Amino acid sequence: MANSFEISDLVARCGAFFTTDSTFLATADRSYEGQFTQKTYEPGNTISYRKANRGYLQRGKSLGGTSPIQDRIETMTILPQFSEFVEYIDTDPSRFIHDFEERVARPAAQDILQGMNREIASGAIGKLTHHTPVVSGNLSSYSNISSVITLLRKMRATGSEIYLALANDDANSLRNSLSDSFNTPINTEILRSATLGSLSGMTFFEENDIAAFVNQDDLSAVTNVQVKVDVPLDVLGTSTITLKGLPANTYIDKGTILDFPTYFWVDAYRSPLTVTYSNTVAVDAQADGAGDVTLTLSEPITPATLLTTVSNVDRQIVADSYVSLIWKYVGNIAYSKFGLHVATPPLPALRGIESSTLMPMVKKTSKQDVLTRVDSLRLSLDSDLAESNTAWRLDAEMAFSYDTDFCCLALSNASATTTP
């Protein structure tokens, strides 16, 4: 009797493939996933959630007034679904069911997973505002790693779970220079093939799709870029800034990082940290013929002098202040548990053809299975009777967002414009 398979079994096996190399899914916060499947209302493709409020810290018996809650809203939007579409002759799976899994099902599931990982990794570019000092080569020393956890601690973004997703070359350099630290008998935190181990309070894993950013115009010869006009004071923050001193008609791409060497991030007391203030270009722009450009920023600039609940820089950024543009870098990503949010809401089964979705887990076999699960996975089959062919389609969808209060970029292979 020829071998056969149930479509529900195969979609479950495809789902199991995601547990082998899905560190982003395993480490991200999944608490907003249920909001996409509310029964009392239809959330659509986008949900909004409030970031943690920051109060204005005061001291003394008599306070100067209450701290109003200033909601900072983030959104998660479901991306266009990831799909693999394959046609095969029916005798293939019926005769070689196990071979079919390895030749067709597993590669399709892994392609979808890679697409998800690539979206998450590239999504940090143009979003994250904190970063470690510029390193011109690979991350290759304990000092490079220590600077990451130090920055997160200054941001008060640390906790019991801190992760660092490393590009392949950076992971290789660290392995070579710190080989004993990532030795399995020494480091008990090496859990699976993608994970290097734990060091300096962080768990490291290697990610193939960490993004390398390069501005389309080479800025290596650019010097002494300045702020053209004072950044306006606004309690809700100002999301644009105008610079001068660029070559005429220069392109500044989304993802370019702006460093303000004489300004500093502030803490909950509105006291300056020993961390240079930075922000990130969120929208592509082009300078005019005079070399001036107005840039849209990832986060509003809100000086501490305004005494608002969301201050991020020690004072107003004024005209003629110098700015360094980091225009080339590899964006390794460091984040705490709540720095990265992921949701994989279920897809409905298709009607009129054989279609199956990943069934809800009745028994949680392990924490790892639950965390890496992609509930949106759907497998569909449709046959052509005349040709005895079957079309096989695997789909999944995902939404994700970063909370910039709890993550940063660990830069490597970076280049920046110079200032006096």
Foldseek 3Di string as FASTA:
>chain_A
DWADDDPQVLLVVLLVLLLADQVVLQQAAAVCQCVCVDPVDHPPFKDKDWDDFFFQDDDDPDDPDGADTDTDIDMWGWDPWDKDKDKDFVVVCRHCVVVCCVPPSSVGSVVRSLVVLLCQQCVCFLAFWFEFDEAQAAQADVVLVLSFVVVLVVLVQDDQAKEWEDEPVNVVNNCVRVVVVQDCVVAVQQDHDQWSGDDPNYTYGYRHNQDWFAAPDDCQVFEFKWFAFWQDADLQFAFKTKIARAAAFGKDARRKKKWQAVKAFADSNLHGDPGTGMWTFNHIWTHHNRRMIMGGTNGGAHACVVSHRDHTIPGTRGTSGTMKIWRTWGWIKMFGRHFKYKYWHADDFDPPFDKDFNDDDPDDPDSSSVSSGRRNWMWTWDADVVSSMIMIMIITMMIMDGDNSTMYTSTGSIDMHYYD
